[in-house]
């Protein structure tokens, strides 16, 4: 049971690499060449809003920026 999540994670990349170009080609041919750019913009906007919501929900306890220093 311990390694099953890694096998599922390992299968996601080949599936995405196989399905992604096909879906992009269908979108390019049947909708519009510009639709891929709109889709990328939409996913980027959703990701940015998700990070903003997480940042506001879980602020740093001291309110300071966390930085790493190499000693």
C-alpha atoms as a PDB file:
ATOM      1  CA  UNK A   1       0.000   0.000   0.000  1.00  0.00           C
ATOM      2  CA  UNK A   2       2.907   2.378   0.564  1.00  0.00           C
ATOM      3  CA  UNK A   3       4.043   2.618  -3.038  1.00  0.00           C
ATOM      4  CA  UNK A   4       0.694   2.831  -4.774  1.00  0.00           C
ATOM      5  CA  UNK A   5       0.566   6.617  -4.717  1.00  0.00           C
ATOM      6  CA  UNK A   6       3.933   6.711  -6.454  1.00  0.00           C
ATOM      7  CA  UNK A   7       2.747   4.350  -9.169  1.00  0.00           C
ATOM      8  CA  UNK A   8      -0.330   6.502  -9.768  1.00  0.00           C
ATOM      9  CA  UNK A   9       1.896   9.580  -9.846  1.00  0.00           C
ATOM     10  CA  UNK A  10       4.203   7.819 -12.309  1.00  0.00           C
ATOM     11  CA  UNK A  11       1.284   7.086 -14.628  1.00  0.00           C
ATOM     12  CA  UNK A  12       0.035  10.672 -14.754  1.00  0.00           C
ATOM     13  CA  UNK A  13       2.914  11.981 -16.882  1.00  0.00           C
ATOM     14  CA  UNK A  14       2.637   9.418 -19.706  1.00  0.00           C
ATOM     15  CA  UNK A  15      -1.129   9.874 -19.830  1.00  0.00           C
ATOM     16  CA  UNK A  16      -0.779  13.663 -19.962  1.00  0.00           C
ATOM     17  CA  UNK A  17       1.925  13.460 -22.637  1.00  0.00           C
ATOM     18  CA  UNK A  18      -0.267  11.169 -24.716  1.00  0.00           C
ATOM     19  CA  UNK A  19      -3.608  12.912 -24.334  1.00  0.00           C
ATOM     20  CA  UNK A  20      -2.456  16.540 -24.238  1.00  0.00           C
ATOM     21  CA  UNK A  21      -1.273  16.902 -27.844  1.00  0.00           C
ATOM     22  CA  UNK A  22      -4.374  15.144 -29.160  1.00  0.00           C
ATOM     23  CA  UNK A  23      -6.727  17.418 -27.253  1.00  0.00           C
ATOM     24  CA  UNK A  24      -4.718  20.484 -28.241  1.00  0.00           C
ATOM     25  CA  UNK A  25      -4.867  19.460 -31.895  1.00  0.00           C
ATOM     26  CA  UNK A  26      -8.621  18.923 -31.740  1.00  0.00           C
ATOM     27  CA  UNK A  27      -9.062  22.278 -30.042  1.00  0.00           C
ATOM     28  CA  UNK A  28      -6.825  23.928 -32.640  1.00  0.00           C
ATOM     29  CA  UNK A  29      -8.682  22.388 -35.577  1.00  0.00           C
ATOM     30  CA  UNK A  30     -12.276  22.593 -34.431  1.00  0.00           C
ATOM     31  CA  UNK A  31     -12.517  25.683 -32.220  1.00  0.00           C
ATOM     32  CA  UNK A  32      -9.795  28.228 -32.930  1.00  0.00           C
ATOM     33  CA  UNK A  33      -5.994  28.410 -32.841  1.00  0.00           C
ATOM     34  CA  UNK A  34      -6.274  31.169 -30.250  1.00  0.00           C
ATOM     35  CA  UNK A  35      -8.344  28.970 -27.913  1.00  0.00           C
ATOM     36  CA  UNK A  36      -5.196  27.254 -26.601  1.00  0.00           C
ATOM     37  CA  UNK A  37      -3.881  30.612 -25.421  1.00  0.00           C
ATOM     38  CA  UNK A  38      -7.200  31.404 -23.763  1.00  0.00           C
ATOM     39  CA  UNK A  39      -7.142  28.016 -22.058  1.00  0.00           C
ATOM     40  CA  UNK A  40      -3.611  28.581 -20.789  1.00  0.00           C
ATOM     41  CA  UNK A  41      -4.594  32.008 -19.504  1.00  0.00           C
ATOM     42  CA  UNK A  42      -7.642  30.541 -17.763  1.00  0.00           C
ATOM     43  CA  UNK A  43      -5.627  27.803 -16.036  1.00  0.00           C
ATOM     44  CA  UNK A  44      -2.977  30.323 -14.987  1.00  0.00           C
ATOM     45  CA  UNK A  45      -5.611  32.659 -13.575  1.00  0.00           C
ATOM     46  CA  UNK A  46      -7.285  29.839 -11.654  1.00  0.00           C
ATOM     47  CA  UNK A  47      -3.891  28.769 -10.254  1.00  0.00           C
ATOM     48  CA  UNK A  48      -3.012  32.304  -9.182  1.00  0.00           C
ATOM     49  CA  UNK A  49      -6.389  32.741  -7.473  1.00  0.00           C
ATOM     50  CA  UNK A  50      -5.948  29.390  -5.726  1.00  0.00           C
ATOM     51  CA  UNK A  51      -2.541  30.435  -4.387  1.00  0.00           C
ATOM     52  CA  UNK A  52      -3.970  33.763  -3.243  1.00  0.00           C
ATOM     53  CA  UNK A  53      -6.772  32.006  -1.363  1.00  0.00           C
ATOM     54  CA  UNK A  54      -4.297  29.612   0.270  1.00  0.00           C
ATOM     55  CA  UNK A  55      -1.991  32.497   1.189  1.00  0.00           C
ATOM     56  CA  UNK A  56      -4.827  34.340   2.917  1.00  0.00           C
ATOM     57  CA  UNK A  57      -6.157  31.229   4.637  1.00  0.00           C
ATOM     58  CA  UNK A  58      -2.800  30.073   6.022  1.00  0.00           C
ATOM     59  CA  UNK A  59      -0.678  33.154   6.784  1.00  0.00           C
ATOM     60  CA  UNK A  60       2.729  32.891   8.367  1.00  0.00           C
ATOM     61  CA  UNK A  61       2.403  32.961  12.155  1.00  0.00           C
ATOM     62  CA  UNK A  62       4.792  35.871  12.641  1.00  0.00           C
ATOM     63  CA  UNK A  63       3.821  37.713   9.499  1.00  0.00           C
ATOM     64  CA  UNK A  64       7.381  37.639   8.213  1.00  0.00           C
ATOM     65  CA  UNK A  65       8.695  36.401   4.924  1.00  0.00           C
ATOM     66  CA  UNK A  66      10.327  33.017   5.323  1.00  0.00           C
ATOM     67  CA  UNK A  67      13.830  32.949   3.909  1.00  0.00           C
ATOM     68  CA  UNK A  68      16.442  30.269   3.858  1.00  0.00           C
ATOM     69  CA  UNK A  69      20.061  31.037   4.542  1.00  0.00           C
ATOM     70  CA  UNK A  70      23.005  28.787   3.826  1.00  0.00           C
ATOM     71  CA  UNK A  71      25.433  28.698   6.710  1.00  0.00           C
END
